[in-house]
Every structure is written in structure tokens, then in C-alpha cells.
């Protein structure tokens, strides 16, 4: 009971941070995997657009990546409030 009530609550805050901020790394890892193995996908599209200097596609994929960063930060901030009730919005 002590473990679940005290230790896990304090240890969950860094875990929420890592999960929330790890969301953009999923896309960058997908880029490397898709390029190395030749799989079609968002990462391969981005790399092909960079080599072809297709700026609208580069801008779109950069916008999606930036949106994932913002979404990850938002999910981490909301997760803080769920994990630790002492954290409030003022």
C-alpha cells in the first residue's frame, strides 16, 4: 500500500515526462527505419522530398513533426495533473 500510494506517485512524474516527450522520437526513428529498410512511409517521403528539394512536402512533414512535439508536451502536462493532484492550473 505504501508503495502504490507514495513511491509510485512520485516516480510517475518523470515517466510521464519521458512518454510525453518521446512522441516526436517515434517519428524520427521511423524515418531512419524506413530509409534503411526501404519501407514506404512518412519518413521515406520526407527523405525523398529533401533529396528532390520538394519544399511543400518538406514544410508539411516539418509541420507534422512540430505538431507532434506540441501534442507530446500537452499530453505530458495533462498527465502531470492526472498523476499528481498537487499540480494545478491557475
PDB file of N, CA and C in Angstrom:
ATOM      1  N   UNK A   1       0.821  -1.192   0.000  1.00  0.00           N
ATOM      2  CA  UNK A   1       0.000   0.000   0.000  1.00  0.00           C
ATOM      3  C   UNK A   1       0.871   1.265   0.000  1.00  0.00           C
ATOM      4  N   UNK A   2       1.934   1.226   0.779  1.00  0.00           N
ATOM      5  CA  UNK A   2       2.838   2.373   0.829  1.00  0.00           C
ATOM      6  C   UNK A   2       3.489   2.589  -0.532  1.00  0.00           C
ATOM      7  N   UNK A   3       3.851   1.499  -1.187  1.00  0.00           N
ATOM      8  CA  UNK A   3       4.482   1.591  -2.500  1.00  0.00           C
ATOM      9  C   UNK A   3       3.554   2.273  -3.494  1.00  0.00           C
ATOM     10  N   UNK A   4       2.307   1.844  -3.574  1.00  0.00           N
ATOM     11  CA  UNK A   4       1.373   2.405  -4.556  1.00  0.00           C
ATOM     12  C   UNK A   4       0.998   3.843  -4.239  1.00  0.00           C
ATOM     13  N   UNK A   5       0.887   4.164  -2.970  1.00  0.00           N
ATOM     14  CA  UNK A   5       0.399   5.486  -2.601  1.00  0.00           C
ATOM     15  C   UNK A   5       1.490   6.560  -2.621  1.00  0.00           C
ATOM     16  N   UNK A   6       2.687   6.215  -2.175  1.00  0.00           N
ATOM     17  CA  UNK A   6       3.719   7.232  -2.023  1.00  0.00           C
ATOM     18  C   UNK A   6       4.828   7.131  -3.070  1.00  0.00           C
ATOM     19  N   UNK A   7       5.399   5.978  -3.217  1.00  0.00           N
ATOM     20  CA  UNK A   7       6.548   5.842  -4.107  1.00  0.00           C
ATOM     21  C   UNK A   7       6.146   5.943  -5.570  1.00  0.00           C
ATOM     22  N   UNK A   8       5.083   5.283  -5.959  1.00  0.00           N
ATOM     23  CA  UNK A   8       4.689   5.283  -7.371  1.00  0.00           C
ATOM     24  C   UNK A   8       4.207   6.651  -7.830  1.00  0.00           C
ATOM     25  N   UNK A   9       3.540   7.377  -6.972  1.00  0.00           N
ATOM     26  CA  UNK A   9       3.065   8.709  -7.355  1.00  0.00           C
ATOM     27  C   UNK A   9       4.233   9.640  -7.659  1.00  0.00           C
ATOM     28  N   UNK A  10       5.267   9.608  -6.830  1.00  0.00           N
ATOM     29  CA  UNK A  10       6.425  10.466  -7.062  1.00  0.00           C
ATOM     30  C   UNK A  10       7.269   9.984  -8.239  1.00  0.00           C
ATOM     31  N   UNK A  11       7.291   8.692  -8.474  1.00  0.00           N
ATOM     32  CA  UNK A  11       8.076   8.159  -9.586  1.00  0.00           C
ATOM     33  C   UNK A  11       7.347   8.290 -10.919  1.00  0.00           C
ATOM     34  N   UNK A  12       6.055   8.522 -10.901  1.00  0.00           N
ATOM     35  CA  UNK A  12       5.284   8.588 -12.143  1.00  0.00           C
ATOM     36  C   UNK A  12       5.494   9.896 -12.897  1.00  0.00           C
ATOM     37  N   UNK A  13       5.863  10.953 -12.209  1.00  0.00           N
ATOM     38  CA  UNK A  13       6.027  12.251 -12.879  1.00  0.00           C
ATOM     39  C   UNK A  13       7.151  12.214 -13.914  1.00  0.00           C
ATOM     40  N   UNK A  14       8.348  11.689 -13.606  1.00  0.00           N
ATOM     41  CA  UNK A  14       9.366  11.599 -14.663  1.00  0.00           C
ATOM     42  C   UNK A  14       8.971  10.639 -15.788  1.00  0.00           C
ATOM     43  N   UNK A  15       8.210   9.607 -15.468  1.00  0.00           N
ATOM     44  CA  UNK A  15       7.758   8.687 -16.516  1.00  0.00           C
ATOM     45  C   UNK A  15       6.797   9.375 -17.472  1.00  0.00           C
ATOM     46  N   UNK A  16       5.922  10.217 -16.954  1.00  0.00           N
ATOM     47  CA  UNK A  16       5.006  10.975 -17.813  1.00  0.00           C
ATOM     48  C   UNK A  16       5.798  11.912 -18.716  1.00  0.00           C
ATOM     49  N   UNK A  17       6.845  12.511 -18.183  1.00  0.00           N
ATOM     50  CA  UNK A  17       7.691  13.398 -18.981  1.00  0.00           C
ATOM     51  C   UNK A  17       8.349  12.632 -20.120  1.00  0.00           C
ATOM     52  N   UNK A  18       8.905  11.482 -19.808  1.00  0.00           N
ATOM     53  CA  UNK A  18       9.584  10.699 -20.838  1.00  0.00           C
ATOM     54  C   UNK A  18       8.626  10.205 -21.912  1.00  0.00           C
ATOM     55  N   UNK A  19       7.451   9.783 -21.529  1.00  0.00           N
ATOM     56  CA  UNK A  19       6.478   9.296 -22.514  1.00  0.00           C
ATOM     57  C   UNK A  19       5.963  10.444 -23.372  1.00  0.00           C
ATOM     58  N   UNK A  20       5.654  11.571 -22.750  1.00  0.00           N
ATOM     59  CA  UNK A  20       5.129  12.713 -23.500  1.00  0.00           C
ATOM     60  C   UNK A  20       6.129  13.314 -24.464  1.00  0.00           C
ATOM     61  N   UNK A  21       7.367  13.399 -24.035  1.00  0.00           N
ATOM     62  CA  UNK A  21       8.385  13.985 -24.899  1.00  0.00           C
ATOM     63  C   UNK A  21       9.011  12.962 -25.845  1.00  0.00           C
ATOM     64  N   UNK A  22       8.703  11.698 -25.655  1.00  0.00           N
ATOM     65  CA  UNK A  22       9.215  10.657 -26.543  1.00  0.00           C
ATOM     66  C   UNK A  22       8.405  10.494 -27.813  1.00  0.00           C
ATOM     67  N   UNK A  23       7.236  11.123 -27.870  1.00  0.00           N
ATOM     68  CA  UNK A  23       6.376  11.006 -29.051  1.00  0.00           C
ATOM     69  C   UNK A  23       7.049  11.497 -30.333  1.00  0.00           C
ATOM     70  N   UNK A  24       7.756  12.625 -30.345  1.00  0.00           N
ATOM     71  CA  UNK A  24       8.427  13.037 -31.589  1.00  0.00           C
ATOM     72  C   UNK A  24       9.545  12.089 -32.013  1.00  0.00           C
ATOM     73  N   UNK A  25      10.165  11.413 -31.060  1.00  0.00           N
ATOM     74  CA  UNK A  25      11.240  10.496 -31.411  1.00  0.00           C
ATOM     75  C   UNK A  25      10.723   9.265 -32.139  1.00  0.00           C
ATOM     76  N   UNK A  26       9.455   8.975 -31.993  1.00  0.00           N
ATOM     77  CA  UNK A  26       8.861   7.854 -32.726  1.00  0.00           C
ATOM     78  C   UNK A  26       8.904   8.150 -34.225  1.00  0.00           C
ATOM     79  N   UNK A  27       8.602   9.387 -34.582  1.00  0.00           N
ATOM     80  CA  UNK A  27       8.644   9.765 -35.995  1.00  0.00           C
ATOM     81  C   UNK A  27      10.071   9.761 -36.524  1.00  0.00           C
ATOM     82  N   UNK A  28      11.013  10.280 -35.758  1.00  0.00           N
ATOM     83  CA  UNK A  28      12.392  10.309 -36.241  1.00  0.00           C
ATOM     84  C   UNK A  28      12.972   8.900 -36.325  1.00  0.00           C
ATOM     85  N   UNK A  29      12.595   8.031 -35.419  1.00  0.00           N
ATOM     86  CA  UNK A  29      13.019   6.631 -35.508  1.00  0.00           C
ATOM     87  C   UNK A  29      12.403   5.943 -36.702  1.00  0.00           C
ATOM     88  N   UNK A  30      11.177   6.305 -37.027  1.00  0.00           N
ATOM     89  CA  UNK A  30      10.524   5.747 -38.204  1.00  0.00           C
ATOM     90  C   UNK A  30      11.224   6.205 -39.477  1.00  0.00           C
ATOM     91  N   UNK A  31      11.727   7.430 -39.473  1.00  0.00           N
ATOM     92  CA  UNK A  31      12.453   7.921 -40.652  1.00  0.00           C
ATOM     93  C   UNK A  31      13.691   7.073 -40.903  1.00  0.00           C
ATOM     94  N   UNK A  32      14.449   6.824 -39.864  1.00  0.00           N
ATOM     95  CA  UNK A  32      15.672   6.032 -40.029  1.00  0.00           C
ATOM     96  C   UNK A  32      15.343   4.604 -40.442  1.00  0.00           C
ATOM     97  N   UNK A  33      14.345   4.019 -39.837  1.00  0.00           N
ATOM     98  CA  UNK A  33      13.969   2.635 -40.154  1.00  0.00           C
ATOM     99  C   UNK A  33      13.460   2.523 -41.584  1.00  0.00           C
ATOM    100  N   UNK A  34      12.628   3.453 -41.991  1.00  0.00           N
ATOM    101  CA  UNK A  34      12.069   3.399 -43.342  1.00  0.00           C
ATOM    102  C   UNK A  34      13.132   3.607 -44.409  1.00  0.00           C
ATOM    103  N   UNK A  35      14.093   4.460 -44.135  1.00  0.00           N
ATOM    104  CA  UNK A  35      15.157   4.699 -45.115  1.00  0.00           C
ATOM    105  C   UNK A  35      16.076   3.491 -45.203  1.00  0.00           C
ATOM    106  N   UNK A  36      16.452   2.933 -44.076  1.00  0.00           N
ATOM    107  CA  UNK A  36      17.388   1.810 -44.077  1.00  0.00           C
ATOM    108  C   UNK A  36      16.764   0.584 -44.743  1.00  0.00           C
ATOM    109  N   UNK A  37      15.520   0.290 -44.410  1.00  0.00           N
ATOM    110  CA  UNK A  37      14.885  -0.919 -44.937  1.00  0.00           C
ATOM    111  C   UNK A  37      14.079  -0.687 -46.209  1.00  0.00           C
ATOM    112  N   UNK A  38      13.958   0.561 -46.642  1.00  0.00           N
ATOM    113  CA  UNK A  38      13.257   0.855 -47.881  1.00  0.00           C
ATOM    114  C   UNK A  38      11.751   0.721 -47.788  1.00  0.00           C
ATOM    115  N   UNK A  39      11.202   0.872 -46.599  1.00  0.00           N
ATOM    116  CA  UNK A  39       9.748   0.780 -46.425  1.00  0.00           C
ATOM    117  C   UNK A  39       9.104   2.098 -46.809  1.00  0.00           C
ATOM    118  N   UNK A  40       7.925   2.047 -47.422  1.00  0.00           N
ATOM    119  CA  UNK A  40       7.232   3.300 -47.721  1.00  0.00           C
ATOM    120  C   UNK A  40       6.583   3.848 -46.449  1.00  0.00           C
ATOM    121  N   UNK A  41       6.608   5.136 -46.317  1.00  0.00           N
ATOM    122  CA  UNK A  41       6.003   5.755 -45.143  1.00  0.00           C
ATOM    123  C   UNK A  41       6.362   7.226 -45.060  1.00  0.00           C
ATOM    124  N   UNK A  42       6.022   7.816 -43.939  1.00  0.00           N
ATOM    125  CA  UNK A  42       6.231   9.250 -43.739  1.00  0.00           C
ATOM    126  C   UNK A  42       7.721   9.613 -43.724  1.00  0.00           C
ATOM    127  N   UNK A  43       8.534   8.801 -43.093  1.00  0.00           N
ATOM    128  CA  UNK A  43       9.966   9.085 -43.047  1.00  0.00           C
ATOM    129  C   UNK A  43      10.611   9.001 -44.412  1.00  0.00           C
ATOM    130  N   UNK A  44      10.242   7.986 -45.162  1.00  0.00           N
ATOM    131  CA  UNK A  44      10.784   7.830 -46.516  1.00  0.00           C
ATOM    132  C   UNK A  44      10.344   8.988 -47.413  1.00  0.00           C
ATOM    133  N   UNK A  45       9.084   9.417 -47.243  1.00  0.00           N
ATOM    134  CA  UNK A  45       8.574  10.560 -48.008  1.00  0.00           C
ATOM    135  C   UNK A  45       9.377  11.815 -47.698  1.00  0.00           C
ATOM    136  N   UNK A  46       9.692  12.012 -46.432  1.00  0.00           N
ATOM    137  CA  UNK A  46      10.466  13.195 -46.031  1.00  0.00           C
ATOM    138  C   UNK A  46      11.867  13.170 -46.621  1.00  0.00           C
ATOM    139  N   UNK A  47      12.531  12.047 -46.534  1.00  0.00           N
ATOM    140  CA  UNK A  47      13.898  11.947 -47.054  1.00  0.00           C
ATOM    141  C   UNK A  47      13.912  12.103 -48.569  1.00  0.00           C
ATOM    142  N   UNK A  48      12.973  11.485 -49.249  1.00  0.00           N
ATOM    143  CA  UNK A  48      12.894  11.642 -50.708  1.00  0.00           C
ATOM    144  C   UNK A  48      12.604  13.094 -51.084  1.00  0.00           C
ATOM    145  N   UNK A  49      11.762  13.779 -50.300  1.00  0.00           N
ATOM    146  CA  UNK A  49      11.450  15.178 -50.582  1.00  0.00           C
ATOM    147  C   UNK A  49      12.675  16.060 -50.345  1.00  0.00           C
ATOM    148  N   UNK A  50      13.484  15.724 -49.359  1.00  0.00           N
ATOM    149  CA  UNK A  50      14.696  16.507 -49.100  1.00  0.00           C
ATOM    150  C   UNK A  50      15.670  16.370 -50.262  1.00  0.00           C
ATOM    151  N   UNK A  51      15.862  15.150 -50.743  1.00  0.00           N
ATOM    152  CA  UNK A  51      16.786  14.951 -51.859  1.00  0.00           C
ATOM    153  C   UNK A  51      16.255  15.542 -53.162  1.00  0.00           C
ATOM    154  N   UNK A  52      14.930  15.579 -53.335  1.00  0.00           N
ATOM    155  CA  UNK A  52      14.333  16.141 -54.548  1.00  0.00           C
ATOM    156  C   UNK A  52      14.068  17.644 -54.419  1.00  0.00           C
ATOM    157  N   UNK A  53      14.350  18.219 -53.253  1.00  0.00           N
ATOM    158  CA  UNK A  53      14.095  19.632 -52.963  1.00  0.00           C
ATOM    159  C   UNK A  53      12.647  20.002 -53.223  1.00  0.00           C
ATOM    160  N   UNK A  54      11.769  19.169 -52.714  1.00  0.00           N
ATOM    161  CA  UNK A  54      10.327  19.398 -52.822  1.00  0.00           C
ATOM    162  C   UNK A  54       9.883  20.121 -51.552  1.00  0.00           C
ATOM    163  N   UNK A  55       9.928  21.435 -51.582  1.00  0.00           N
ATOM    164  CA  UNK A  55       9.735  22.240 -50.386  1.00  0.00           C
ATOM    165  C   UNK A  55       8.350  22.138 -49.757  1.00  0.00           C
ATOM    166  N   UNK A  56       7.267  22.061 -50.524  1.00  0.00           N
ATOM    167  CA  UNK A  56       5.964  21.922 -49.863  1.00  0.00           C
ATOM    168  C   UNK A  56       5.846  20.639 -49.019  1.00  0.00           C
ATOM    169  N   UNK A  57       6.395  19.554 -49.498  1.00  0.00           N
ATOM    170  CA  UNK A  57       6.341  18.310 -48.723  1.00  0.00           C
ATOM    171  C   UNK A  57       7.249  18.406 -47.499  1.00  0.00           C
ATOM    172  N   UNK A  58       8.401  19.034 -47.658  1.00  0.00           N
ATOM    173  CA  UNK A  58       9.304  19.214 -46.516  1.00  0.00           C
ATOM    174  C   UNK A  58       8.623  20.072 -45.448  1.00  0.00           C
ATOM    175  N   UNK A  59       7.963  21.145 -45.868  1.00  0.00           N
ATOM    176  CA  UNK A  59       7.257  22.004 -44.917  1.00  0.00           C
ATOM    177  C   UNK A  59       6.120  21.253 -44.227  1.00  0.00           C
ATOM    178  N   UNK A  60       5.400  20.430 -44.982  1.00  0.00           N
ATOM    179  CA  UNK A  60       4.287  19.680 -44.390  1.00  0.00           C
ATOM    180  C   UNK A  60       4.776  18.664 -43.367  1.00  0.00           C
ATOM    181  N   UNK A  61       5.834  17.944 -43.687  1.00  0.00           N
ATOM    182  CA  UNK A  61       6.332  16.952 -42.738  1.00  0.00           C
ATOM    183  C   UNK A  61       6.976  17.623 -41.519  1.00  0.00           C
ATOM    184  N   UNK A  62       7.591  18.783 -41.730  1.00  0.00           N
ATOM    185  CA  UNK A  62       8.126  19.529 -40.593  1.00  0.00           C
ATOM    186  C   UNK A  62       7.004  20.042 -39.705  1.00  0.00           C
ATOM    187  N   UNK A  63       5.912  20.468 -40.312  1.00  0.00           N
ATOM    188  CA  UNK A  63       4.749  20.927 -39.546  1.00  0.00           C
ATOM    189  C   UNK A  63       4.145  19.788 -38.736  1.00  0.00           C
ATOM    190  N   UNK A  64       4.079  18.615 -39.330  1.00  0.00           N
ATOM    191  CA  UNK A  64       3.554  17.452 -38.608  1.00  0.00           C
ATOM    192  C   UNK A  64       4.477  17.087 -37.454  1.00  0.00           C
ATOM    193  N   UNK A  65       5.777  17.145 -37.678  1.00  0.00           N
ATOM    194  CA  UNK A  65       6.735  16.857 -36.604  1.00  0.00           C
ATOM    195  C   UNK A  65       6.613  17.877 -35.471  1.00  0.00           C
ATOM    196  N   UNK A  66       6.483  19.139 -35.822  1.00  0.00           N
ATOM    197  CA  UNK A  66       6.325  20.177 -34.795  1.00  0.00           C
ATOM    198  C   UNK A  66       5.014  19.997 -34.040  1.00  0.00           C
ATOM    199  N   UNK A  67       3.971  19.589 -34.749  1.00  0.00           N
ATOM    200  CA  UNK A  67       2.686  19.329 -34.089  1.00  0.00           C
ATOM    201  C   UNK A  67       2.791  18.161 -33.122  1.00  0.00           C
ATOM    202  N   UNK A  68       3.579  17.162 -33.476  1.00  0.00           N
ATOM    203  CA  UNK A  68       3.781  16.039 -32.562  1.00  0.00           C
ATOM    204  C   UNK A  68       4.532  16.466 -31.308  1.00  0.00           C
ATOM    205  N   UNK A  69       5.475  17.383 -31.449  1.00  0.00           N
ATOM    206  CA  UNK A  69       6.199  17.897 -30.282  1.00  0.00           C
ATOM    207  C   UNK A  69       5.234  18.645 -29.360  1.00  0.00           C
ATOM    208  N   UNK A  70       4.407  19.502 -29.934  1.00  0.00           N
ATOM    209  CA  UNK A  70       3.447  20.258 -29.135  1.00  0.00           C
ATOM    210  C   UNK A  70       2.431  19.320 -28.493  1.00  0.00           C
ATOM    211  N   UNK A  71       1.951  18.333 -29.244  1.00  0.00           N
ATOM    212  CA  UNK A  71       0.990  17.375 -28.705  1.00  0.00           C
ATOM    213  C   UNK A  71       1.608  16.539 -27.582  1.00  0.00           C
ATOM    214  N   UNK A  72       2.850  16.148 -27.750  1.00  0.00           N
ATOM    215  CA  UNK A  72       3.534  15.397 -26.696  1.00  0.00           C
ATOM    216  C   UNK A  72       3.687  16.210 -25.430  1.00  0.00           C
ATOM    217  N   UNK A  73       4.046  17.486 -25.577  1.00  0.00           N
ATOM    218  CA  UNK A  73       4.157  18.364 -24.406  1.00  0.00           C
ATOM    219  C   UNK A  73       2.807  18.581 -23.743  1.00  0.00           C
ATOM    220  N   UNK A  74       1.758  18.731 -24.535  1.00  0.00           N
ATOM    221  CA  UNK A  74       0.423  18.905 -23.984  1.00  0.00           C
ATOM    222  C   UNK A  74      -0.026  17.664 -23.225  1.00  0.00           C
ATOM    223  N   UNK A  75       0.215  16.492 -23.804  1.00  0.00           N
ATOM    224  CA  UNK A  75      -0.149  15.249 -23.119  1.00  0.00           C
ATOM    225  C   UNK A  75       0.644  15.068 -21.830  1.00  0.00           C
ATOM    226  N   UNK A  76       1.905  15.474 -21.839  1.00  0.00           N
ATOM    227  CA  UNK A  76       2.708  15.381 -20.618  1.00  0.00           C
ATOM    228  C   UNK A  76       2.162  16.320 -19.548  1.00  0.00           C
ATOM    229  N   UNK A  77       1.791  17.531 -19.924  1.00  0.00           N
ATOM    230  CA  UNK A  77       1.252  18.478 -18.945  1.00  0.00           C
ATOM    231  C   UNK A  77      -0.087  18.015 -18.382  1.00  0.00           C
ATOM    232  N   UNK A  78      -0.940  17.472 -19.223  1.00  0.00           N
ATOM    233  CA  UNK A  78      -2.214  16.934 -18.743  1.00  0.00           C
ATOM    234  C   UNK A  78      -1.972  15.711 -17.862  1.00  0.00           C
ATOM    235  N   UNK A  79      -1.000  14.909 -18.246  1.00  0.00           N
ATOM    236  CA  UNK A  79      -0.665  13.726 -17.454  1.00  0.00           C
ATOM    237  C   UNK A  79      -0.143  14.080 -16.072  1.00  0.00           C
ATOM    238  N   UNK A  80       0.570  15.222 -15.955  1.00  0.00           N
ATOM    239  CA  UNK A  80       1.034  15.665 -14.640  1.00  0.00           C
ATOM    240  C   UNK A  80      -0.148  15.882 -13.704  1.00  0.00           C
ATOM    241  N   UNK A  81      -1.179  16.514 -14.216  1.00  0.00           N
ATOM    242  CA  UNK A  81      -2.358  16.775 -13.389  1.00  0.00           C
ATOM    243  C   UNK A  81      -3.084  15.506 -12.996  1.00  0.00           C
ATOM    244  N   UNK A  82      -3.058  14.500 -13.858  1.00  0.00           N
ATOM    245  CA  UNK A  82      -3.715  13.237 -13.530  1.00  0.00           C
ATOM    246  C   UNK A  82      -2.916  12.420 -12.529  1.00  0.00           C
ATOM    247  N   UNK A  83      -1.605  12.470 -12.653  1.00  0.00           N
ATOM    248  CA  UNK A  83      -0.747  11.656 -11.784  1.00  0.00           C
ATOM    249  C   UNK A  83      -0.614  12.280 -10.396  1.00  0.00           C
ATOM    250  N   UNK A  84      -0.412  13.598 -10.363  1.00  0.00           N
ATOM    251  CA  UNK A  84      -0.178  14.268  -9.092  1.00  0.00           C
ATOM    252  C   UNK A  84      -1.233  15.364  -8.904  1.00  0.00           C
ATOM    253  N   UNK A  85      -2.179  15.172  -8.002  1.00  0.00           N
ATOM    254  CA  UNK A  85      -3.232  16.177  -7.824  1.00  0.00           C
ATOM    255  C   UNK A  85      -2.736  17.505  -7.232  1.00  0.00           C
ATOM    256  N   UNK A  86      -1.499  17.548  -6.754  1.00  0.00           N
ATOM    257  CA  UNK A  86      -0.966  18.798  -6.217  1.00  0.00           C
ATOM    258  C   UNK A  86      -0.669  19.800  -7.332  1.00  0.00           C
ATOM    259  N   UNK A  87      -0.517  19.320  -8.564  1.00  0.00           N
ATOM    260  CA  UNK A  87      -0.231  20.184  -9.704  1.00  0.00           C
ATOM    261  C   UNK A  87      -1.560  20.706 -10.238  1.00  0.00           C
ATOM    262  N   UNK A  88      -1.703  22.026 -10.231  1.00  0.00           N
ATOM    263  CA  UNK A  88      -2.961  22.632 -10.658  1.00  0.00           C
ATOM    264  C   UNK A  88      -2.687  23.747 -11.675  1.00  0.00           C
ATOM    265  N   UNK A  89      -3.710  24.057 -12.440  1.00  0.00           N
ATOM    266  CA  UNK A  89      -3.645  25.188 -13.378  1.00  0.00           C
ATOM    267  C   UNK A  89      -4.229  26.400 -12.676  1.00  0.00           C
ATOM    268  N   UNK A  90      -3.507  27.499 -12.711  1.00  0.00           N
ATOM    269  CA  UNK A  90      -4.003  28.707 -12.035  1.00  0.00           C
ATOM    270  C   UNK A  90      -4.382  29.762 -13.018  1.00  0.00           C
TER     271      UNK A  90
END
